[in-house]
PDB file of all heavy atoms in Angstrom:
ATOM      1  N   ALA A   1       0.637 -17.041  17.238  1.00  0.00           N
ATOM      2  CA  ALA A   1       0.992 -17.672  18.518  1.00  0.00           C
ATOM      3  C   ALA A   1       2.502 -17.713  18.705  1.00  0.00           C
ATOM      4  O   ALA A   1       3.010 -17.431  19.799  1.00  0.00           O
ATOM      5  CB  ALA A   1       0.399 -19.075  18.595  1.00  0.00           C
ATOM      6  N   THR A   2       3.239 -18.028  17.651  1.00  0.00           N
ATOM      7  CA  THR A   2       4.702 -18.066  17.732  1.00  0.00           C
ATOM      8  C   THR A   2       5.259 -16.672  17.989  1.00  0.00           C
ATOM      9  O   THR A   2       6.103 -16.475  18.861  1.00  0.00           O
ATOM     10  CB  THR A   2       5.302 -18.652  16.434  1.00  0.00           C
ATOM     11  OG1 THR A   2       4.800 -19.976  16.267  1.00  0.00           O
ATOM     12  CG2 THR A   2       6.815 -18.667  16.480  1.00  0.00           C
ATOM     13  N   TRP A   3       4.784 -15.689  17.225  1.00  0.00           N
ATOM     14  CA  TRP A   3       5.243 -14.309  17.385  1.00  0.00           C
ATOM     15  C   TRP A   3       4.952 -13.798  18.802  1.00  0.00           C
ATOM     16  O   TRP A   3       5.812 -13.216  19.453  1.00  0.00           O
ATOM     17  CB  TRP A   3       4.593 -13.417  16.332  1.00  0.00           C
ATOM     18  CG  TRP A   3       4.992 -11.980  16.450  1.00  0.00           C
ATOM     19  CD1 TRP A   3       4.297 -10.975  17.058  1.00  0.00           C
ATOM     20  CD2 TRP A   3       6.192 -11.381  15.963  1.00  0.00           C
ATOM     21  NE1 TRP A   3       4.983  -9.788  16.975  1.00  0.00           N
ATOM     22  CE2 TRP A   3       6.150 -10.009  16.306  1.00  0.00           C
ATOM     23  CE3 TRP A   3       7.298 -11.858  15.268  1.00  0.00           C
ATOM     24  CZ2 TRP A   3       7.167  -9.116  15.978  1.00  0.00           C
ATOM     25  CZ3 TRP A   3       8.317 -10.963  14.935  1.00  0.00           C
ATOM     26  CH2 TRP A   3       8.244  -9.614  15.297  1.00  0.00           C
ATOM     27  N   CYS A   4       3.732 -14.016  19.249  1.00  0.00           N
ATOM     28  CA  CYS A   4       3.290 -13.475  20.540  1.00  0.00           C
ATOM     29  C   CYS A   4       3.887 -14.204  21.746  1.00  0.00           C
ATOM     30  O   CYS A   4       3.747 -13.738  22.874  1.00  0.00           O
ATOM     31  CB  CYS A   4       1.765 -13.489  20.618  1.00  0.00           C
ATOM     32  SG  CYS A   4       0.993 -12.371  19.417  1.00  0.00           S
ATOM     33  N   SER A   5       4.546 -15.327  21.509  1.00  0.00           N
ATOM     34  CA  SER A   5       5.169 -16.050  22.622  1.00  0.00           C
ATOM     35  C   SER A   5       6.428 -15.344  23.121  1.00  0.00           C
ATOM     36  O   SER A   5       6.931 -15.659  24.188  1.00  0.00           O
ATOM     37  CB  SER A   5       5.491 -17.488  22.215  1.00  0.00           C
ATOM     38  OG  SER A   5       6.522 -17.504  21.233  1.00  0.00           O
ATOM     39  N   GLN A   6       6.924 -14.378  22.361  1.00  0.00           N
ATOM     40  CA  GLN A   6       8.109 -13.617  22.757  1.00  0.00           C
ATOM     41  C   GLN A   6       7.675 -12.368  23.530  1.00  0.00           C
ATOM     42  O   GLN A   6       6.695 -11.723  23.170  1.00  0.00           O
ATOM     43  CB  GLN A   6       8.907 -13.219  21.520  1.00  0.00           C
ATOM     44  CG  GLN A   6       9.351 -14.420  20.687  1.00  0.00           C
ATOM     45  CD  GLN A   6       9.957 -13.976  19.377  1.00  0.00           C
ATOM     46  OE1 GLN A   6      10.987 -13.323  19.369  1.00  0.00           O
ATOM     47  NE2 GLN A   6       9.302 -14.323  18.283  1.00  0.00           N
ATOM     48  N   PRO A   7       8.386 -12.001  24.579  1.00  0.00           N
ATOM     49  CA  PRO A   7       8.005 -10.825  25.377  1.00  0.00           C
ATOM     50  C   PRO A   7       7.921  -9.554  24.524  1.00  0.00           C
ATOM     51  O   PRO A   7       8.815  -9.268  23.727  1.00  0.00           O
ATOM     52  CB  PRO A   7       9.131 -10.696  26.409  1.00  0.00           C
ATOM     53  CG  PRO A   7       9.738 -12.056  26.485  1.00  0.00           C
ATOM     54  CD  PRO A   7       9.577 -12.655  25.117  1.00  0.00           C
ATOM     55  N   GLY A   8       6.817  -8.832  24.696  1.00  0.00           N
ATOM     56  CA  GLY A   8       6.639  -7.564  23.997  1.00  0.00           C
ATOM     57  C   GLY A   8       6.172  -7.675  22.563  1.00  0.00           C
ATOM     58  O   GLY A   8       5.980  -6.668  21.895  1.00  0.00           O
ATOM     59  N   HIS A   9       5.979  -8.886  22.091  1.00  0.00           N
ATOM     60  CA  HIS A   9       5.524  -9.076  20.711  1.00  0.00           C
ATOM     61  C   HIS A   9       4.015  -9.264  20.699  1.00  0.00           C
ATOM     62  O   HIS A   9       3.466  -9.984  21.533  1.00  0.00           O
ATOM     63  CB  HIS A   9       6.196 -10.299  20.090  1.00  0.00           C
ATOM     64  CG  HIS A   9       7.643 -10.076  19.795  1.00  0.00           C
ATOM     65  ND1 HIS A   9       8.283 -10.725  18.769  1.00  0.00           N
ATOM     66  CD2 HIS A   9       8.583  -9.285  20.363  1.00  0.00           C
ATOM     67  CE1 HIS A   9       9.548 -10.357  18.724  1.00  0.00           C
ATOM     68  NE2 HIS A   9       9.751  -9.480  19.691  1.00  0.00           N
ATOM     69  N   PHE A  10       3.349  -8.620  19.742  1.00  0.00           N
ATOM     70  CA  PHE A  10       1.904  -8.786  19.620  1.00  0.00           C
ATOM     71  C   PHE A  10       1.458  -8.496  18.204  1.00  0.00           C
ATOM     72  O   PHE A  10       2.232  -8.018  17.371  1.00  0.00           O
ATOM     73  CB  PHE A  10       1.150  -7.927  20.642  1.00  0.00           C
ATOM     74  CG  PHE A  10       1.268  -6.430  20.454  1.00  0.00           C
ATOM     75  CD1 PHE A  10       0.283  -5.723  19.771  1.00  0.00           C
ATOM     76  CD2 PHE A  10       2.337  -5.734  20.972  1.00  0.00           C
ATOM     77  CE1 PHE A  10       0.377  -4.349  19.611  1.00  0.00           C
ATOM     78  CE2 PHE A  10       2.436  -4.359  20.819  1.00  0.00           C
ATOM     79  CZ  PHE A  10       1.452  -3.666  20.134  1.00  0.00           C
ATOM     80  N   VAL A  11       0.199  -8.827  17.940  1.00  0.00           N
ATOM     81  CA  VAL A  11      -0.421  -8.566  16.644  1.00  0.00           C
ATOM     82  C   VAL A  11      -1.197  -7.260  16.786  1.00  0.00           C
ATOM     83  O   VAL A  11      -2.052  -7.132  17.658  1.00  0.00           O
ATOM     84  CB  VAL A  11      -1.352  -9.734  16.234  1.00  0.00           C
ATOM     85  CG1 VAL A  11      -2.014  -9.447  14.898  1.00  0.00           C
ATOM     86  CG2 VAL A  11      -0.577 -11.048  16.185  1.00  0.00           C
ATOM     87  N   LEU A  12      -0.880  -6.286  15.945  1.00  0.00           N
ATOM     88  CA  LEU A  12      -1.467  -4.952  16.035  1.00  0.00           C
ATOM     89  C   LEU A  12      -2.845  -4.922  15.385  1.00  0.00           C
ATOM     90  O   LEU A  12      -2.999  -5.299  14.222  1.00  0.00           O
ATOM     91  CB  LEU A  12      -0.548  -3.925  15.369  1.00  0.00           C
ATOM     92  CG  LEU A  12      -0.992  -2.481  15.403  1.00  0.00           C
ATOM     93  CD1 LEU A  12      -1.057  -1.960  16.837  1.00  0.00           C
ATOM     94  CD2 LEU A  12      -0.048  -1.626  14.567  1.00  0.00           C
ATOM     95  N   ASP A  13      -3.826  -4.442  16.122  1.00  0.00           N
ATOM     96  CA  ASP A  13      -5.206  -4.383  15.640  1.00  0.00           C
ATOM     97  C   ASP A  13      -5.434  -3.132  14.786  1.00  0.00           C
ATOM     98  O   ASP A  13      -6.064  -2.171  15.207  1.00  0.00           O
ATOM     99  CB  ASP A  13      -6.184  -4.404  16.814  1.00  0.00           C
ATOM    100  CG  ASP A  13      -7.626  -4.525  16.364  1.00  0.00           C
ATOM    101  OD1 ASP A  13      -7.873  -4.623  15.140  1.00  0.00           O
ATOM    102  OD2 ASP A  13      -8.521  -4.515  17.221  1.00  0.00           O
ATOM    103  N   THR A  14      -4.913  -3.155  13.562  1.00  0.00           N
ATOM    104  CA  THR A  14      -5.064  -2.004  12.667  1.00  0.00           C
ATOM    105  C   THR A  14      -6.496  -1.849  12.168  1.00  0.00           C
ATOM    106  O   THR A  14      -6.824  -0.834  11.566  1.00  0.00           O
ATOM    107  CB  THR A  14      -4.111  -2.114  11.464  1.00  0.00           C
ATOM    108  OG1 THR A  14      -4.270  -3.403  10.868  1.00  0.00           O
ATOM    109  CG2 THR A  14      -2.674  -1.915  11.898  1.00  0.00           C
ATOM    110  N   ASN A  15      -7.339  -2.815  12.435  1.00  0.00           N
ATOM    111  CA  ASN A  15      -8.752  -2.693  12.080  1.00  0.00           C
ATOM    112  C   ASN A  15      -9.458  -1.705  13.007  1.00  0.00           C
ATOM    113  O   ASN A  15     -10.441  -1.090  12.624  1.00  0.00           O
ATOM    114  CB  ASN A  15      -9.420  -4.072  12.154  1.00  0.00           C
ATOM    115  CG  ASN A  15     -10.789  -4.085  11.525  1.00  0.00           C
ATOM    116  OD1 ASN A  15     -11.007  -3.507  10.476  1.00  0.00           O
ATOM    117  ND2 ASN A  15     -11.717  -4.743  12.178  1.00  0.00           N
ATOM    118  N   ASN A  16      -8.948  -1.540  14.238  1.00  0.00           N
ATOM    119  CA  ASN A  16      -9.588  -0.673  15.234  1.00  0.00           C
ATOM    120  C   ASN A  16      -8.677   0.405  15.812  1.00  0.00           C
ATOM    121  O   ASN A  16      -9.124   1.195  16.635  1.00  0.00           O
ATOM    122  CB  ASN A  16     -10.143  -1.527  16.378  1.00  0.00           C
ATOM    123  CG  ASN A  16     -11.263  -2.425  15.904  1.00  0.00           C
ATOM    124  OD1 ASN A  16     -12.266  -1.959  15.413  1.00  0.00           O
ATOM    125  ND2 ASN A  16     -11.063  -3.731  16.023  1.00  0.00           N
ATOM    126  N   VAL A  17      -7.417   0.414  15.429  1.00  0.00           N
ATOM    127  CA  VAL A  17      -6.463   1.418  15.917  1.00  0.00           C
ATOM    128  C   VAL A  17      -6.103   2.320  14.742  1.00  0.00           C
ATOM    129  O   VAL A  17      -5.725   1.837  13.674  1.00  0.00           O
ATOM    130  CB  VAL A  17      -5.196   0.748  16.499  1.00  0.00           C
ATOM    131  CG1 VAL A  17      -4.167   1.776  16.904  1.00  0.00           C
ATOM    132  CG2 VAL A  17      -5.564  -0.140  17.681  1.00  0.00           C
ATOM    133  N   SER A  18      -6.217   3.633  14.944  1.00  0.00           N
ATOM    134  CA  SER A  18      -5.993   4.580  13.846  1.00  0.00           C
ATOM    135  C   SER A  18      -4.528   4.611  13.412  1.00  0.00           C
ATOM    136  O   SER A  18      -3.616   4.342  14.209  1.00  0.00           O
ATOM    137  CB  SER A  18      -6.418   5.985  14.266  1.00  0.00           C
ATOM    138  OG  SER A  18      -5.517   6.509  15.219  1.00  0.00           O
ATOM    139  N   LYS A  19      -4.329   4.975  12.154  1.00  0.00           N
ATOM    140  CA  LYS A  19      -2.981   5.147  11.619  1.00  0.00           C
ATOM    141  C   LYS A  19      -2.226   6.208  12.417  1.00  0.00           C
ATOM    142  O   LYS A  19      -1.031   6.072  12.678  1.00  0.00           O
ATOM    143  CB  LYS A  19      -3.040   5.534  10.143  1.00  0.00           C
ATOM    144  CG  LYS A  19      -1.686   5.773   9.519  1.00  0.00           C
ATOM    145  CD  LYS A  19      -1.800   6.355   8.127  1.00  0.00           C
ATOM    146  CE  LYS A  19      -0.466   6.632   7.477  1.00  0.00           C
ATOM    147  NZ  LYS A  19       0.547   7.259   8.276  1.00  0.00           N
ATOM    148  N   GLU A  20      -2.927   7.258  12.838  1.00  0.00           N
ATOM    149  CA  GLU A  20      -2.293   8.333  13.602  1.00  0.00           C
ATOM    150  C   GLU A  20      -1.755   7.831  14.941  1.00  0.00           C
ATOM    151  O   GLU A  20      -0.675   8.233  15.374  1.00  0.00           O
ATOM    152  CB  GLU A  20      -3.271   9.491  13.818  1.00  0.00           C
ATOM    153  CG  GLU A  20      -3.648  10.221  12.548  1.00  0.00           C
ATOM    154  CD  GLU A  20      -4.709   9.514  11.703  1.00  0.00           C
ATOM    155  OE1 GLU A  20      -5.340   8.554  12.192  1.00  0.00           O
ATOM    156  OE2 GLU A  20      -4.903   9.914  10.539  1.00  0.00           O
ATOM    157  N   LEU A  21      -2.517   6.957  15.601  1.00  0.00           N
ATOM    158  CA  LEU A  21      -2.044   6.391  16.857  1.00  0.00           C
ATOM    159  C   LEU A  21      -0.850   5.472  16.613  1.00  0.00           C
ATOM    160  O   LEU A  21       0.136   5.511  17.353  1.00  0.00           O
ATOM    161  CB  LEU A  21      -3.161   5.646  17.590  1.00  0.00           C
ATOM    162  CG  LEU A  21      -2.780   4.985  18.914  1.00  0.00           C
ATOM    163  CD1 LEU A  21      -2.083   5.961  19.859  1.00  0.00           C
ATOM    164  CD2 LEU A  21      -4.004   4.370  19.578  1.00  0.00           C
ATOM    165  N   VAL A  22      -0.926   4.663  15.575  1.00  0.00           N
ATOM    166  CA  VAL A  22       0.215   3.792  15.234  1.00  0.00           C
ATOM    167  C   VAL A  22       1.447   4.648  14.960  1.00  0.00           C
ATOM    168  O   VAL A  22       2.540   4.360  15.467  1.00  0.00           O
ATOM    169  CB  VAL A  22      -0.123   2.885  14.034  1.00  0.00           C
ATOM    170  CG1 VAL A  22       1.116   2.114  13.579  1.00  0.00           C
ATOM    171  CG2 VAL A  22      -1.247   1.925  14.377  1.00  0.00           C
ATOM    172  N   ASP A  23       1.280   5.737  14.186  1.00  0.00           N
ATOM    173  CA  ASP A  23       2.405   6.627  13.893  1.00  0.00           C
ATOM    174  C   ASP A  23       2.990   7.220  15.177  1.00  0.00           C
ATOM    175  O   ASP A  23       4.211   7.311  15.323  1.00  0.00           O
ATOM    176  CB  ASP A  23       1.981   7.753  12.946  1.00  0.00           C
ATOM    177  CG  ASP A  23       1.713   7.262  11.528  1.00  0.00           C
ATOM    178  OD1 ASP A  23       2.127   6.136  11.191  1.00  0.00           O
ATOM    179  OD2 ASP A  23       1.084   8.020  10.764  1.00  0.00           O
ATOM    180  N   ALA A  24       2.124   7.647  16.108  1.00  0.00           N
ATOM    181  CA  ALA A  24       2.599   8.216  17.378  1.00  0.00           C
ATOM    182  C   ALA A  24       3.391   7.172  18.169  1.00  0.00           C
ATOM    183  O   ALA A  24       4.421   7.495  18.776  1.00  0.00           O
ATOM    184  CB  ALA A  24       1.425   8.737  18.198  1.00  0.00           C
ATOM    185  N   LEU A  25       2.930   5.926  18.163  1.00  0.00           N
ATOM    186  CA  LEU A  25       3.623   4.859  18.882  1.00  0.00           C
ATOM    187  C   LEU A  25       4.969   4.543  18.239  1.00  0.00           C
ATOM    188  O   LEU A  25       5.966   4.326  18.940  1.00  0.00           O
ATOM    189  CB  LEU A  25       2.748   3.611  18.938  1.00  0.00           C
ATOM    190  CG  LEU A  25       1.476   3.737  19.781  1.00  0.00           C
ATOM    191  CD1 LEU A  25       0.530   2.583  19.493  1.00  0.00           C
ATOM    192  CD2 LEU A  25       1.799   3.819  21.259  1.00  0.00           C
ATOM    193  N   VAL A  26       5.010   4.548  16.911  1.00  0.00           N
ATOM    194  CA  VAL A  26       6.272   4.305  16.199  1.00  0.00           C
ATOM    195  C   VAL A  26       7.226   5.473  16.415  1.00  0.00           C
ATOM    196  O   VAL A  26       8.402   5.284  16.752  1.00  0.00           O
ATOM    197  CB  VAL A  26       6.012   4.059  14.693  1.00  0.00           C
ATOM    198  CG1 VAL A  26       7.315   4.063  13.902  1.00  0.00           C
ATOM    199  CG2 VAL A  26       5.269   2.743  14.482  1.00  0.00           C
ATOM    200  N   ASP A  27       6.733   6.703  16.249  1.00  0.00           N
ATOM    201  CA  ASP A  27       7.579   7.891  16.384  1.00  0.00           C
ATOM    202  C   ASP A  27       8.169   8.023  17.794  1.00  0.00           C
ATOM    203  O   ASP A  27       9.281   8.536  17.958  1.00  0.00           O
ATOM    204  CB  ASP A  27       6.805   9.161  16.040  1.00  0.00           C
ATOM    205  CG  ASP A  27       6.441   9.249  14.564  1.00  0.00           C
ATOM    206  OD1 ASP A  27       7.006   8.474  13.754  1.00  0.00           O
ATOM    207  OD2 ASP A  27       5.582  10.089  14.214  1.00  0.00           O
ATOM    208  N   SER A  28       7.435   7.563  18.804  1.00  0.00           N
ATOM    209  CA  SER A  28       7.924   7.642  20.186  1.00  0.00           C
ATOM    210  C   SER A  28       8.841   6.470  20.541  1.00  0.00           C
ATOM    211  O   SER A  28       9.373   6.421  21.650  1.00  0.00           O
ATOM    212  CB  SER A  28       6.753   7.686  21.165  1.00  0.00           C
ATOM    213  OG  SER A  28       6.064   6.440  21.173  1.00  0.00           O
ATOM    214  N   GLY A  29       9.005   5.533  19.617  1.00  0.00           N
ATOM    215  CA  GLY A  29       9.841   4.370  19.885  1.00  0.00           C
ATOM    216  C   GLY A  29       9.161   3.322  20.740  1.00  0.00           C
ATOM    217  O   GLY A  29       9.807   2.398  21.228  1.00  0.00           O
ATOM    218  N   THR A  30       7.840   3.448  20.915  1.00  0.00           N
ATOM    219  CA  THR A  30       7.098   2.503  21.754  1.00  0.00           C
ATOM    220  C   THR A  30       6.916   1.165  21.060  1.00  0.00           C
ATOM    221  O   THR A  30       6.943   0.127  21.719  1.00  0.00           O
ATOM    222  CB  THR A  30       5.731   3.098  22.138  1.00  0.00           C
ATOM    223  OG1 THR A  30       5.961   4.340  22.822  1.00  0.00           O
ATOM    224  CG2 THR A  30       4.940   2.173  23.022  1.00  0.00           C
ATOM    225  N   ILE A  31       6.718   1.190  19.746  1.00  0.00           N
ATOM    226  CA  ILE A  31       6.603  -0.056  18.988  1.00  0.00           C
ATOM    227  C   ILE A  31       7.467   0.023  17.737  1.00  0.00           C
ATOM    228  O   ILE A  31       7.770   1.111  17.247  1.00  0.00           O
ATOM    229  CB  ILE A  31       5.143  -0.383  18.571  1.00  0.00           C
ATOM    230  CG1 ILE A  31       4.566   0.665  17.629  1.00  0.00           C
ATOM    231  CG2 ILE A  31       4.259  -0.592  19.782  1.00  0.00           C
ATOM    232  CD1 ILE A  31       3.229   0.290  16.990  1.00  0.00           C
ATOM    233  N   THR A  32       7.845  -1.153  17.260  1.00  0.00           N
ATOM    234  CA  THR A  32       8.462  -1.275  15.947  1.00  0.00           C
ATOM    235  C   THR A  32       7.603  -2.248  15.163  1.00  0.00           C
ATOM    236  O   THR A  32       7.164  -3.277  15.690  1.00  0.00           O
ATOM    237  CB  THR A  32       9.912  -1.785  16.020  1.00  0.00           C
ATOM    238  OG1 THR A  32       9.926  -3.029  16.718  1.00  0.00           O
ATOM    239  CG2 THR A  32      10.811  -0.800  16.727  1.00  0.00           C
ATOM    240  N   VAL A  33       7.345  -1.914  13.922  1.00  0.00           N
ATOM    241  CA  VAL A  33       6.507  -2.741  13.064  1.00  0.00           C
ATOM    242  C   VAL A  33       7.413  -3.622  12.217  1.00  0.00           C
ATOM    243  O   VAL A  33       8.303  -3.124  11.527  1.00  0.00           O
ATOM    244  CB  VAL A  33       5.595  -1.863  12.170  1.00  0.00           C
ATOM    245  CG1 VAL A  33       4.708  -2.730  11.283  1.00  0.00           C
ATOM    246  CG2 VAL A  33       4.750  -0.921  13.025  1.00  0.00           C
ATOM    247  N   SER A  34       7.181  -4.925  12.288  1.00  0.00           N
ATOM    248  CA  SER A  34       7.986  -5.863  11.498  1.00  0.00           C
ATOM    249  C   SER A  34       7.432  -5.925  10.070  1.00  0.00           C
ATOM    250  O   SER A  34       6.428  -5.294   9.751  1.00  0.00           O
ATOM    251  CB  SER A  34       7.947  -7.250  12.134  1.00  0.00           C
ATOM    252  OG  SER A  34       6.713  -7.885  11.856  1.00  0.00           O
ATOM    253  N   ASP A  35       8.068  -6.717   9.248  1.00  0.00           N
ATOM    254  CA  ASP A  35       7.575  -6.930   7.879  1.00  0.00           C
ATOM    255  C   ASP A  35       6.510  -8.021   7.832  1.00  0.00           C
ATOM    256  O   ASP A  35       5.900  -8.231   6.803  1.00  0.00           O
ATOM    257  CB  ASP A  35       8.733  -7.326   6.957  1.00  0.00           C
ATOM    258  CG  ASP A  35       9.717  -6.194   6.744  1.00  0.00           C
ATOM    259  OD1 ASP A  35       9.299  -5.018   6.830  1.00  0.00           O
ATOM    260  OD2 ASP A  35      10.913  -6.477   6.504  1.00  0.00           O
ATOM    261  N   GLY A  36       6.297  -8.719   8.943  1.00  0.00           N
ATOM    262  CA  GLY A  36       5.360  -9.833   8.963  1.00  0.00           C
ATOM    263  C   GLY A  36       3.922  -9.399   9.209  1.00  0.00           C
ATOM    264  O   GLY A  36       3.655  -8.376   9.846  1.00  0.00           O
ATOM    265  N   TYR A  37       3.009 -10.201   8.691  1.00  0.00           N
ATOM    266  CA  TYR A  37       1.577  -9.965   8.848  1.00  0.00           C
ATOM    267  C   TYR A  37       0.874 -11.275   9.149  1.00  0.00           C
ATOM    268  O   TYR A  37       1.347 -12.345   8.794  1.00  0.00           O
ATOM    269  CB  TYR A  37       0.970  -9.391   7.559  1.00  0.00           C
ATOM    270  CG  TYR A  37       1.277  -7.939   7.348  1.00  0.00           C
ATOM    271  CD1 TYR A  37       2.463  -7.556   6.751  1.00  0.00           C
ATOM    272  CD2 TYR A  37       0.395  -6.953   7.754  1.00  0.00           C
ATOM    273  CE1 TYR A  37       2.765  -6.219   6.556  1.00  0.00           C
ATOM    274  CE2 TYR A  37       0.680  -5.620   7.567  1.00  0.00           C
ATOM    275  CZ  TYR A  37       1.858  -5.261   6.963  1.00  0.00           C
ATOM    276  OH  TYR A  37       2.150  -3.934   6.786  1.00  0.00           O
ATOM    277  N   VAL A  38      -0.281 -11.155   9.782  1.00  0.00           N
ATOM    278  CA  VAL A  38      -1.167 -12.291  10.002  1.00  0.00           C
ATOM    279  C   VAL A  38      -2.494 -11.929   9.360  1.00  0.00           C
ATOM    280  O   VAL A  38      -2.997 -10.818   9.545  1.00  0.00           O
ATOM    281  CB  VAL A  38      -1.361 -12.577  11.507  1.00  0.00           C
ATOM    282  CG1 VAL A  38      -2.399 -13.647  11.733  1.00  0.00           C
ATOM    283  CG2 VAL A  38      -0.047 -12.954  12.152  1.00  0.00           C
ATOM    284  N   HIS A  39      -3.060 -12.858   8.600  1.00  0.00           N
ATOM    285  CA  HIS A  39      -4.345 -12.608   7.952  1.00  0.00           C
ATOM    286  C   HIS A  39      -5.451 -13.266   8.783  1.00  0.00           C
ATOM    287  O   HIS A  39      -5.344 -14.426   9.174  1.00  0.00           O
ATOM    288  CB  HIS A  39      -4.353 -13.179   6.534  1.00  0.00           C
ATOM    289  CG  HIS A  39      -5.621 -12.928   5.811  1.00  0.00           C
ATOM    290  ND1 HIS A  39      -5.900 -11.710   5.224  1.00  0.00           N
ATOM    291  CD2 HIS A  39      -6.699 -13.703   5.596  1.00  0.00           C
ATOM    292  CE1 HIS A  39      -7.106 -11.753   4.682  1.00  0.00           C
ATOM    293  NE2 HIS A  39      -7.602 -12.961   4.892  1.00  0.00           N
ATOM    294  N   SER A  40      -6.493 -12.488   9.046  1.00  0.00           N
ATOM    295  CA  SER A  40      -7.657 -13.011   9.758  1.00  0.00           C
ATOM    296  C   SER A  40      -8.887 -12.281   9.256  1.00  0.00           C
ATOM    297  O   SER A  40      -8.920 -11.043   9.258  1.00  0.00           O
ATOM    298  CB  SER A  40      -7.502 -12.813  11.265  1.00  0.00           C
ATOM    299  OG  SER A  40      -8.646 -13.301  11.947  1.00  0.00           O
ATOM    300  N   GLY A  41      -9.887 -13.043   8.836  1.00  0.00           N
ATOM    301  CA  GLY A  41     -11.095 -12.417   8.290  1.00  0.00           C
ATOM    302  C   GLY A  41     -10.753 -11.604   7.061  1.00  0.00           C
ATOM    303  O   GLY A  41     -10.136 -12.095   6.128  1.00  0.00           O
ATOM    304  N   TYR A  42     -11.121 -10.334   7.072  1.00  0.00           N
ATOM    305  CA  TYR A  42     -10.840  -9.451   5.942  1.00  0.00           C
ATOM    306  C   TYR A  42      -9.611  -8.585   6.177  1.00  0.00           C
ATOM    307  O   TYR A  42      -9.349  -7.664   5.415  1.00  0.00           O
ATOM    308  CB  TYR A  42     -12.043  -8.532   5.681  1.00  0.00           C
ATOM    309  CG  TYR A  42     -13.270  -9.281   5.258  1.00  0.00           C
ATOM    310  CD1 TYR A  42     -14.316  -9.505   6.143  1.00  0.00           C
ATOM    311  CD2 TYR A  42     -13.380  -9.782   3.960  1.00  0.00           C
ATOM    312  CE1 TYR A  42     -15.446 -10.205   5.742  1.00  0.00           C
ATOM    313  CE2 TYR A  42     -14.499 -10.484   3.556  1.00  0.00           C
ATOM    314  CZ  TYR A  42     -15.529 -10.687   4.460  1.00  0.00           C
ATOM    315  OH  TYR A  42     -16.636 -11.376   4.072  1.00  0.00           O
ATOM    316  N   CYS A  43      -8.875  -8.838   7.224  1.00  0.00           N
ATOM    317  CA  CYS A  43      -7.776  -7.949   7.612  1.00  0.00           C
ATOM    318  C   CYS A  43      -6.430  -8.647   7.591  1.00  0.00           C
ATOM    319  O   CYS A  43      -6.323  -9.837   7.864  1.00  0.00           O
ATOM    320  CB  CYS A  43      -8.023  -7.401   9.016  1.00  0.00           C
ATOM    321  SG  CYS A  43      -9.506  -6.407   9.155  1.00  0.00           S
ATOM    322  N   ASP A  44      -5.416  -7.849   7.308  1.00  0.00           N
ATOM    323  CA  ASP A  44      -4.034  -8.251   7.490  1.00  0.00           C
ATOM    324  C   ASP A  44      -3.499  -7.428   8.652  1.00  0.00           C
ATOM    325  O   ASP A  44      -3.494  -6.196   8.602  1.00  0.00           O
ATOM    326  CB  ASP A  44      -3.205  -7.962   6.237  1.00  0.00           C
ATOM    327  CG  ASP A  44      -3.546  -8.909   5.102  1.00  0.00           C
ATOM    328  OD1 ASP A  44      -3.814 -10.085   5.377  1.00  0.00           O
ATOM    329  OD2 ASP A  44      -3.546  -8.460   3.941  1.00  0.00           O
ATOM    330  N   TYR A  45      -3.082  -8.111   9.703  1.00  0.00           N
ATOM    331  CA  TYR A  45      -2.614  -7.447  10.918  1.00  0.00           C
ATOM    332  C   TYR A  45      -1.099  -7.535  10.997  1.00  0.00           C
ATOM    333  O   TYR A  45      -0.537  -8.630  10.923  1.00  0.00           O
ATOM    334  CB  TYR A  45      -3.208  -8.113  12.158  1.00  0.00           C
ATOM    335  CG  TYR A  45      -4.705  -8.049  12.243  1.00  0.00           C
ATOM    336  CD1 TYR A  45      -5.489  -9.181  12.008  1.00  0.00           C
ATOM    337  CD2 TYR A  45      -5.349  -6.866  12.581  1.00  0.00           C
ATOM    338  CE1 TYR A  45      -6.874  -9.127  12.109  1.00  0.00           C
ATOM    339  CE2 TYR A  45      -6.729  -6.800  12.691  1.00  0.00           C
ATOM    340  CZ  TYR A  45      -7.490  -7.938  12.447  1.00  0.00           C
ATOM    341  OH  TYR A  45      -8.851  -7.872  12.555  1.00  0.00           O
TER     342      TYR A  45
END
């Protein structure tokens, strides 16, 4: 909630989004991945 309160910040759904798509988004400069994670269920997002 704290992270997402800032414009453009969100929790990435790596449980349903492929690594290849994440790589394409990073390579195009569309997203930057921080060092932070949120744990929910069996996943770290």
